[in-house]
Each structure stands twice: as structure tokens, then as C-alpha cells.
Protein backbone atom coordinates (compact mmCIF):
# COMPACT_ATOMS: atom_id res chain seq x y z
CA MET A 1 14.52 -20.02 -7.84
CA LEU A 2 15.42 -16.70 -6.13
CA ALA A 3 16.99 -14.51 -8.78
CA GLY A 4 19.64 -11.96 -7.93
CA SER A 5 19.56 -8.28 -8.83
CA ALA A 6 22.78 -6.31 -9.29
CA GLY A 7 21.12 -3.12 -8.05
CA PRO A 8 17.77 -2.01 -6.58
CA LEU A 9 14.97 -4.24 -7.77
CA LEU A 10 12.95 -1.27 -8.97
CA ASP A 11 15.64 -0.26 -11.45
CA ALA A 12 15.07 -3.44 -13.47
CA HIS A 13 11.31 -2.97 -14.00
CA ASP A 14 9.11 -0.40 -15.67
CA THR A 15 5.79 -1.58 -14.18
CA LEU A 16 4.61 -3.02 -10.87
CA LEU A 17 1.58 -5.33 -10.89
CA LEU A 18 0.49 -4.99 -7.28
CA ASP A 19 -1.85 -7.12 -5.24
CA LEU A 20 -3.88 -5.06 -2.79
CA ASP A 21 -4.92 -6.76 0.45
CA GLY A 22 -1.79 -7.74 2.37
CA VAL A 23 0.51 -5.67 0.14
CA VAL A 24 -0.87 -2.14 0.03
CA TYR A 25 -3.47 -2.36 2.78
CA VAL A 26 -4.80 -4.75 5.39
CA GLY A 27 -8.52 -4.19 5.82
CA PRO A 28 -9.12 -0.44 6.18
CA ASP A 29 -5.51 0.46 6.99
CA ALA A 30 -2.44 0.97 4.83
CA VAL A 31 0.43 -1.47 5.25
CA PRO A 32 3.25 0.47 6.97
CA HIS A 33 5.60 2.16 4.47
CA ALA A 34 3.51 1.06 1.47
CA PRO A 35 2.10 4.46 0.35
CA ALA A 36 5.52 6.13 0.57
CA ALA A 37 7.24 3.29 -1.31
CA LEU A 38 4.65 3.43 -4.08
CA ALA A 39 4.88 7.23 -4.34
CA ALA A 40 8.66 6.91 -4.69
CA ALA A 41 8.25 4.27 -7.39
CA ARG A 42 5.90 6.48 -9.39
CA GLU A 43 8.22 9.46 -9.00
CA ALA A 44 11.00 7.26 -10.43
CA GLY A 45 8.90 6.74 -13.56
CA VAL A 46 7.58 3.26 -12.77
CA ARG A 47 3.99 2.54 -13.78
CA LEU A 48 1.69 1.16 -11.06
CA ALA A 49 -1.12 -1.29 -11.77
CA TYR A 50 -3.25 -2.55 -8.90
CA ILE A 51 -4.62 -5.97 -9.83
CA THR A 52 -7.41 -7.55 -7.83
CA ASN A 53 -9.62 -10.62 -7.99
CA ASN A 54 -12.43 -8.58 -6.44
CA ALA A 55 -15.08 -8.40 -9.16
CA ALA A 56 -17.65 -6.64 -7.01
CA ARG A 57 -16.05 -3.19 -6.77
CA THR A 58 -15.50 -0.91 -9.73
CA PRO A 59 -11.99 0.49 -10.38
CA ASP A 60 -12.97 4.04 -9.35
CA VAL A 61 -14.08 2.81 -5.92
CA VAL A 62 -10.84 0.87 -5.42
CA ALA A 63 -8.73 3.81 -6.58
CA ALA A 64 -10.55 6.21 -4.26
CA HIS A 65 -9.80 3.92 -1.30
CA LEU A 66 -6.13 3.78 -2.27
CA ARG A 67 -5.92 7.57 -2.47
CA GLU A 68 -7.55 7.86 0.97
CA LEU A 69 -4.69 5.73 2.30
CA GLY A 70 -2.10 7.97 0.65
CA ALA A 71 -1.17 5.63 -2.21
CA PRO A 72 -0.90 7.14 -5.70
CA ALA A 73 -3.72 5.72 -7.82
CA ASP A 74 -5.69 6.88 -10.83
CA ASP A 75 -8.92 5.08 -11.71
CA ASP A 76 -7.34 3.39 -14.73
CA ASP A 77 -4.46 2.08 -12.60
CA VAL A 78 -6.85 -0.53 -11.16
CA VAL A 79 -7.33 -3.76 -13.10
CA THR A 80 -10.01 -6.15 -11.83
CA SER A 81 -10.91 -9.74 -12.61
CA ALA A 82 -14.27 -8.39 -13.80
CA GLN A 83 -12.49 -6.36 -16.47
CA ALA A 84 -10.38 -9.35 -17.50
CA ALA A 85 -13.52 -11.49 -17.80
CA ALA A 86 -15.31 -8.82 -19.81
CA ARG A 87 -12.30 -8.44 -22.12
CA HIS A 88 -12.25 -12.20 -22.69
CA LEU A 89 -15.95 -12.26 -23.54
CA ALA A 90 -15.67 -9.26 -25.86
CA ALA A 91 -13.00 -11.13 -27.82
CA THR A 92 -15.24 -14.17 -28.28
CA LEU A 93 -18.73 -12.68 -28.72
CA ALA A 94 -20.28 -10.31 -31.24
CA PRO A 95 -20.61 -6.65 -30.14
CA GLY A 96 -23.79 -6.03 -28.18
CA SER A 97 -24.26 -9.70 -27.29
CA PRO A 98 -26.39 -10.39 -24.21
CA VAL A 99 -24.50 -12.03 -21.34
CA LEU A 100 -26.17 -13.59 -18.30
CA LEU A 101 -24.67 -11.68 -15.37
CA VAL A 102 -24.25 -13.61 -12.14
CA GLY A 103 -22.53 -10.92 -10.12
CA GLY A 104 -22.65 -7.31 -9.05
CA ARG A 105 -22.00 -3.76 -10.19
CA GLY A 106 -18.29 -4.24 -10.86
CA LEU A 107 -18.98 -6.95 -13.43
CA ARG A 108 -22.01 -5.14 -14.88
CA VAL A 109 -19.97 -1.98 -15.52
CA ALA A 110 -17.09 -3.99 -17.01
CA LEU A 111 -19.39 -5.76 -19.47
CA THR A 112 -21.02 -2.50 -20.53
CA GLU A 113 -17.66 -0.81 -21.07
CA VAL A 114 -16.61 -3.46 -23.63
CA GLY A 115 -19.89 -3.23 -25.52
CA LEU A 116 -21.72 -6.26 -24.16
CA ARG A 117 -25.24 -6.26 -22.71
CA PRO A 118 -25.76 -7.70 -19.21
CA VAL A 119 -29.03 -9.61 -18.80
CA ASP A 120 -30.59 -11.32 -15.80
CA SER A 121 -32.46 -14.33 -17.16
CA LEU A 122 -32.20 -17.18 -19.65
CA ALA A 123 -35.41 -15.89 -21.26
CA GLN A 124 -33.38 -12.95 -22.63
CA GLU A 125 -31.39 -15.43 -24.74
CA PRO A 126 -27.86 -14.75 -23.48
CA ALA A 127 -24.90 -15.83 -25.59
CA ALA A 128 -22.76 -16.66 -22.54
CA VAL A 129 -22.71 -16.74 -18.74
CA VAL A 130 -20.29 -14.79 -16.56
CA GLN A 131 -20.03 -15.22 -12.79
CA GLY A 132 -18.33 -12.96 -10.28
CA PHE A 133 -18.74 -12.27 -6.59
CA SER A 134 -21.52 -10.13 -5.19
CA PRO A 135 -22.92 -10.26 -1.65
CA ASP A 136 -26.40 -9.85 -3.16
CA ILE A 137 -26.45 -13.07 -5.21
CA GLY A 138 -29.37 -15.25 -4.15
CA TRP A 139 -30.83 -18.66 -4.91
CA LYS A 140 -32.97 -17.43 -7.82
CA LEU A 141 -29.98 -16.08 -9.76
CA LEU A 142 -27.87 -19.15 -8.98
CA ALA A 143 -30.69 -21.33 -10.27
CA GLU A 144 -30.89 -19.23 -13.45
CA ALA A 145 -27.13 -19.63 -13.88
CA THR A 146 -27.43 -23.39 -13.42
CA HIS A 147 -30.10 -23.65 -16.10
CA ALA A 148 -28.01 -21.54 -18.48
CA VAL A 149 -24.87 -23.57 -17.87
CA ARG A 150 -26.74 -26.86 -18.27
CA SER A 151 -28.03 -25.60 -21.62
CA GLY A 152 -24.42 -25.55 -22.87
CA LEU A 153 -23.73 -21.81 -22.90
CA PRO A 154 -20.07 -20.74 -22.55
CA TRP A 155 -19.35 -20.04 -18.88
CA THR A 156 -16.67 -17.65 -17.60
CA ALA A 157 -15.77 -17.10 -13.95
CA SER A 158 -14.03 -13.93 -12.82
CA ASN A 159 -12.07 -15.88 -10.18
CA LEU A 160 -12.24 -18.94 -7.94
CA ASP A 161 -11.32 -17.46 -4.54
CA ARG A 162 -13.13 -19.64 -2.02
CA THR A 163 -13.33 -16.89 0.60
CA VAL A 164 -13.48 -13.12 0.83
CA PRO A 165 -12.18 -11.07 3.77
CA THR A 166 -14.76 -9.42 6.01
CA PRO A 167 -14.46 -7.57 9.35
CA GLY A 168 -15.70 -10.73 11.05
CA GLY A 169 -13.28 -13.04 9.26
CA PRO A 170 -13.35 -15.05 6.00
CA ALA A 171 -16.73 -15.48 4.32
CA PRO A 172 -17.85 -17.53 1.28
CA GLY A 173 -16.35 -16.17 -1.94
CA ASN A 174 -16.98 -16.54 -5.65
CA GLY A 175 -15.20 -19.88 -5.83
CA LEU A 176 -17.74 -21.53 -3.53
CA LEU A 177 -20.66 -20.04 -5.46
CA VAL A 178 -19.11 -21.28 -8.70
CA GLU A 179 -18.82 -24.73 -7.14
CA LEU A 180 -22.53 -24.69 -6.31
CA VAL A 181 -23.44 -23.98 -9.93
CA ALA A 182 -20.90 -26.51 -11.19
CA ALA A 183 -22.27 -29.24 -8.93
CA ALA A 184 -25.85 -28.53 -10.02
CA ALA A 185 -25.00 -28.13 -13.72
CA GLY A 186 -22.53 -30.98 -14.00
CA ARG A 187 -19.62 -29.05 -15.51
CA ARG A 188 -16.93 -26.50 -14.65
CA PRO A 189 -16.43 -22.99 -16.09
CA GLY A 190 -14.70 -23.01 -19.45
CA THR A 191 -12.59 -19.96 -18.56
CA VAL A 192 -11.35 -18.45 -15.30
CA CYS A 193 -9.82 -14.96 -15.56
CA GLY A 194 -8.61 -14.05 -12.07
CA LYS A 195 -5.39 -14.94 -10.28
CA PRO A 196 -3.65 -17.38 -10.47
CA GLU A 197 -4.74 -17.66 -14.12
CA ARG A 198 -2.88 -15.39 -16.49
CA ALA A 199 -5.76 -13.42 -18.05
CA LEU A 200 -5.69 -10.76 -15.32
CA PHE A 201 -1.92 -10.34 -15.66
CA ASP A 202 -2.18 -10.18 -19.45
CA GLU A 203 -4.87 -7.50 -19.19
CA ALA A 204 -2.68 -5.44 -16.84
CA VAL A 205 0.37 -5.76 -19.12
CA ARG A 206 -1.72 -4.81 -22.16
CA ARG A 207 -3.18 -1.73 -20.50
CA THR A 208 0.10 -0.46 -19.06
CA GLY A 209 2.26 -1.30 -22.08
CA ALA A 210 4.72 -2.96 -19.67
CA ARG A 211 7.94 -4.35 -21.12
CA SER A 212 9.47 -5.56 -17.84
CA ALA A 213 6.70 -5.99 -15.28
CA LEU A 214 7.19 -7.23 -11.72
CA VAL A 215 4.36 -8.92 -9.83
CA VAL A 216 4.21 -8.00 -6.12
CA GLY A 217 2.08 -10.09 -3.79
CA ASP A 218 1.68 -11.69 -0.39
CA ARG A 219 0.01 -14.97 -1.41
CA LEU A 220 1.83 -17.88 -2.99
CA ASP A 221 -1.23 -19.63 -4.42
CA THR A 222 -2.62 -16.59 -6.25
CA ASP A 223 -0.09 -13.77 -6.70
CA LEU A 224 3.14 -15.73 -7.05
CA GLN A 225 1.66 -18.75 -8.82
CA GLY A 226 -0.01 -16.29 -11.17
CA ALA A 227 3.31 -14.57 -11.83
CA ARG A 228 4.88 -17.87 -12.87
CA THR A 229 1.83 -18.76 -14.98
CA ALA A 230 2.19 -15.42 -16.80
CA GLY A 231 5.96 -15.81 -17.18
CA LEU A 232 6.73 -12.82 -14.95
CA PRO A 233 9.10 -12.38 -11.98
CA GLY A 234 7.43 -12.13 -8.59
CA LEU A 235 8.32 -10.32 -5.36
CA LEU A 236 6.88 -11.80 -2.17
CA VAL A 237 6.34 -9.30 0.65
CA LEU A 238 5.96 -10.65 4.17
CA THR A 239 3.15 -8.26 5.16
CA GLY A 240 0.22 -10.56 4.44
CA VAL A 241 -0.73 -14.22 4.65
CA THR A 242 2.58 -15.85 3.65
CA GLY A 243 5.16 -16.35 6.36
CA VAL A 244 8.39 -18.28 6.71
CA ALA A 245 6.70 -21.69 7.03
CA GLU A 246 4.69 -21.24 3.83
CA LEU A 247 7.71 -19.90 1.95
CA VAL A 248 10.04 -22.81 2.69
CA ALA A 249 7.28 -25.30 1.81
CA ALA A 250 6.38 -23.58 -1.49
CA ALA A 251 5.90 -25.78 -4.54
CA PRO A 252 7.95 -24.95 -7.66
CA HIS A 253 4.99 -23.36 -9.48
CA GLU A 254 4.38 -20.81 -6.70
CA ARG A 255 7.87 -19.75 -5.63
CA PRO A 256 8.82 -16.07 -5.80
CA THR A 257 11.93 -14.76 -7.51
CA ALA A 258 12.55 -12.23 -4.71
CA VAL A 259 11.46 -11.72 -1.10
CA ALA A 260 11.25 -8.58 1.07
CA HIS A 261 9.84 -7.51 4.41
CA ASP A 262 7.58 -4.95 2.71
CA LEU A 263 7.45 -2.60 -0.27
CA ARG A 264 10.61 -0.82 0.85
CA GLY A 265 12.35 -3.88 -0.61
CA LEU A 266 11.72 -2.42 -4.07
CA ARG A 267 14.64 -0.06 -3.44
CA ALA A 268 16.95 -2.81 -2.18
CA GLU A 269 19.41 -5.11 -3.88
CA HIS A 270 18.26 -8.74 -3.87
CA PRO A 271 21.16 -11.20 -3.90
CA GLY A 272 20.71 -14.57 -5.57
CA PRO A 273 21.65 -17.51 -3.32
CA GLU A 274 24.14 -20.14 -4.46
CA VAL A 275 23.06 -23.71 -3.75
CA GLY A 276 24.54 -27.13 -4.36
CA GLY A 277 24.81 -30.66 -3.04
CA ASP A 278 23.02 -33.96 -3.49
CA ALA A 279 20.22 -35.97 -1.89
CA SER A 280 22.24 -36.47 1.30
CA ALA A 281 23.24 -32.86 2.00
CA VAL A 282 22.57 -29.43 0.55
CA THR A 283 24.39 -26.16 1.21
CA ALA A 284 23.07 -22.72 0.28
CA ARG A 285 24.85 -19.40 0.62
CA CYS A 286 23.53 -15.85 0.32
CA ARG A 287 26.26 -13.25 0.69
CA ASP A 288 27.78 -14.17 4.09
CA ALA A 289 24.84 -16.28 5.28
CA ARG A 290 25.17 -20.04 4.97
CA VAL A 291 22.63 -22.81 5.59
CA GLU A 292 22.90 -26.61 5.38
CA VAL A 293 20.25 -29.32 5.16
CA ALA A 294 21.32 -32.88 5.99
CA ASP A 295 19.19 -35.87 6.99
CA GLY A 296 16.09 -33.69 6.80
CA VAL A 297 17.39 -31.16 9.33
CA LEU A 298 18.23 -27.53 8.56
CA ARG A 299 21.17 -25.90 10.31
CA VAL A 300 22.34 -22.29 10.10
CA VAL A 301 26.12 -22.30 9.71
CA SER A 302 26.56 -18.54 9.34
CA ALA A 303 23.81 -16.23 10.53
CA ALA A 304 24.98 -13.06 8.74
CA PRO A 305 21.65 -11.26 8.20
CA GLY A 306 22.60 -8.93 5.33
CA PRO A 307 21.44 -5.32 4.95
CA ASP A 308 17.73 -6.16 5.13
CA GLY A 309 17.95 -9.06 7.59
CA LEU A 310 16.73 -11.66 5.10
CA ASP A 311 19.88 -13.33 3.76
CA VAL A 312 19.53 -16.35 6.08
CA LEU A 313 15.92 -16.75 4.95
CA ARG A 314 16.93 -16.54 1.29
CA ALA A 315 19.60 -19.20 1.73
CA GLY A 316 17.30 -21.34 3.86
CA ALA A 317 14.40 -21.21 1.43
CA GLU A 318 16.68 -22.15 -1.47
CA ALA A 319 18.16 -25.06 0.52
CA CYS A 320 14.70 -26.34 1.47
CA TRP A 321 13.42 -26.10 -2.12
CA TRP A 322 16.47 -27.91 -3.47
CA THR A 323 16.05 -30.65 -0.86
CA ALA A 324 12.34 -31.06 -1.54
CA ASP A 325 12.85 -31.15 -5.31
CA THR A 326 15.37 -33.99 -5.00
CA GLY A 327 12.90 -36.02 -2.95
CA ALA A 328 15.17 -36.06 0.10
CA PRO A 329 13.53 -36.02 3.56
CA LEU A 330 12.79 -32.61 5.05
CA ASP A 331 10.81 -31.34 8.02
CA PRO A 332 9.65 -27.94 6.71
CA ASP A 333 8.04 -26.90 10.00
CA ALA A 334 11.25 -27.51 11.93
CA ALA A 335 13.25 -25.71 9.22
CA ALA A 336 10.90 -22.73 9.40
CA ALA A 337 11.25 -22.58 13.18
CA VAL A 338 15.04 -22.35 12.84
CA LEU A 339 14.88 -19.71 10.12
CA ARG A 340 12.42 -17.50 12.00
CA GLU A 341 15.06 -16.94 14.65
CA HIS A 342 17.30 -15.35 12.01
CA VAL A 343 14.81 -13.15 10.15
CA ALA A 344 15.78 -9.69 11.33
CA VAL A 345 15.05 -6.16 10.24
CA GLY A 346 18.38 -4.71 9.17
CA ALA A 347 19.58 -1.15 9.06
CA GLY A 348 18.57 -0.79 5.44
CA SER A 349 14.86 -1.52 6.05
């Protein structure tokens, strides 16, 4: 599953489709080395697209925050799930059609920009319903959405993230509000546009004109699953929610094609591990690192870290995936504990 690159990963791609939280910033602060790595990528002629499931903020607000952190970002470099949802609706509805808006300013602006008319009640005879996160959504609007959905109107959700990050910790997100409407209306949205669905990636590729895009993310279930859904390679950076335990336990549909400590890995070579064996024993090798899995137990045979300190992890992840896919026994938590001891920051990081 991990694909090799003969040279720096960045040299093989003309566009980066970048997740934000956990990749470029964590809360109000930039991820270490991220702004400099992105500036270097842009200077090398690579297009940057920041893709986010956040439908509440408009692209100019997101871009301004990125610039404050030192990351290169123009307003049109930001692609939101609100824009993807609006683009989908514009392709299916007549120009100027009223759309019941269950969301905030980000979604309202996106609808207006594609020539649709946001409305706030079923009495205004909307042609469709669109739902995206806003902290200001109340019972009255959710009830209006339920009535509209029960009437049979097409229903699009910007995304299904169950939580949103806040300074106090995770809080209810659009996915939970969508579930409320779905439970009351008796049906699910007909279309979801945010990650891990491909509409957001397709919108970013369309807008950038990318021919060889690379998805960069920190979450397996949104960023990397979305990359595979869209048929794109994906780089996992270990600066966000995914760690060693989650990586070795990843299902086939959410595995990355490359892994790096952080965005400096864009300038590194990413070797492809070699793996083989059968249900009883599996061996994986990445450069001089070698890992074996037998009887459900992972063992590091050669702990050569490689230039970026991740070769043992690459071999170990590949061995664990191979073992899991054959149905052989495996203790992923124990395997992760062994591999963590060999994840080191090398001289090239």
C-alpha cells in the first residue's frame, strides 16, 4: 500500500490538497515547520489548495488565518465543503433557484456565488435543502429542515463530521445535526460533499487544474479515505490525530501511500517497502529496516531507521496490513508498542 518515490515526493506532484487542522495548524498555532515547507513548495511551482470540511467559515477568513500563521494562501486557494455543496446544487438546479439554507455565512455566500438563492423557510418554496454547520442553528431551523426533507425535497449535506474542535474540546458537529433531521424526517441526505466523499476533492482538482495532485492529511477516516475514494495518492503526516496505533490498524480503504513526520517530508524520498510471506509469517523490508510478523506477534529484525527515522514504521505498517488482510491473527496494539520504540527523527528531518 505504501508506494515508493524515486526522488523527493514533491517532485512528482503539481498540486497539494492540504487538510488544515493537524496538518498546517493545531488550534490557533502553526504546526512546526509547516509554513516554511508550504512556502518552499509554492516557490518550487507547486499549487496549494487548502481543503476543509468547515462550512461555517468563508474562504477569505480561512486564508487570512493561514497568512497570519505565515503560510502562503490566497483567498481562492481555500476550498470548503460549502463550496462543493453549492457547486453540486448549481449543477442540478435551475439558476436562481431557492434553496433552504440550514447553516451559516460560509454556506450562504457559497450558494450566492453560484447563482442560487438562500431562503430560510419552506413557505418560500425551496427547490432543495442544504445543511452545513453553524453554531447559531436552533430548533426552529432544524424543524423547518425536517418538514422540508419529509416533503421529499432533495437534501444535500456539506459534511458528516460528528464533532468540531473547540478550545474546550470536541463539540457537536454537522454530522450530529444531520442525524437529528434524518431521525425526525425518516431518511438520510441524498448527497454528502465533504471528506471522505470525493466531491470536495473533485472541486479542488477542478479549480486548480491539477494533473498529479497529492492529498496531505492527518486523519485516516476523512483525509486518507477521501484520497482513496477520489483515486488520489495520500501523504499521512504524524502531526495530528493519527499515530502509530491507528496507522498499523488502518483498513484498506483508508491507508496512505506515504507517511512523514510533518510537511518537511514533502522534500524527502519515500521508499516503498517490500513484503511477502503467507498466513503463518510475513516479512517486510524498507531499505535496511526489516520487520517480521509470526503467530500474531511483530518483531523488529533490523532497526535501521533510515534518513527520516521512519523506515521501521513503514516496514511494520506494511507487515501488519498484509497480516490483517490475510486474516491471520495480529495484536495491533502490541505491534504499535514495538514500532513506537523505533520511530526516530533522523538527520534529514
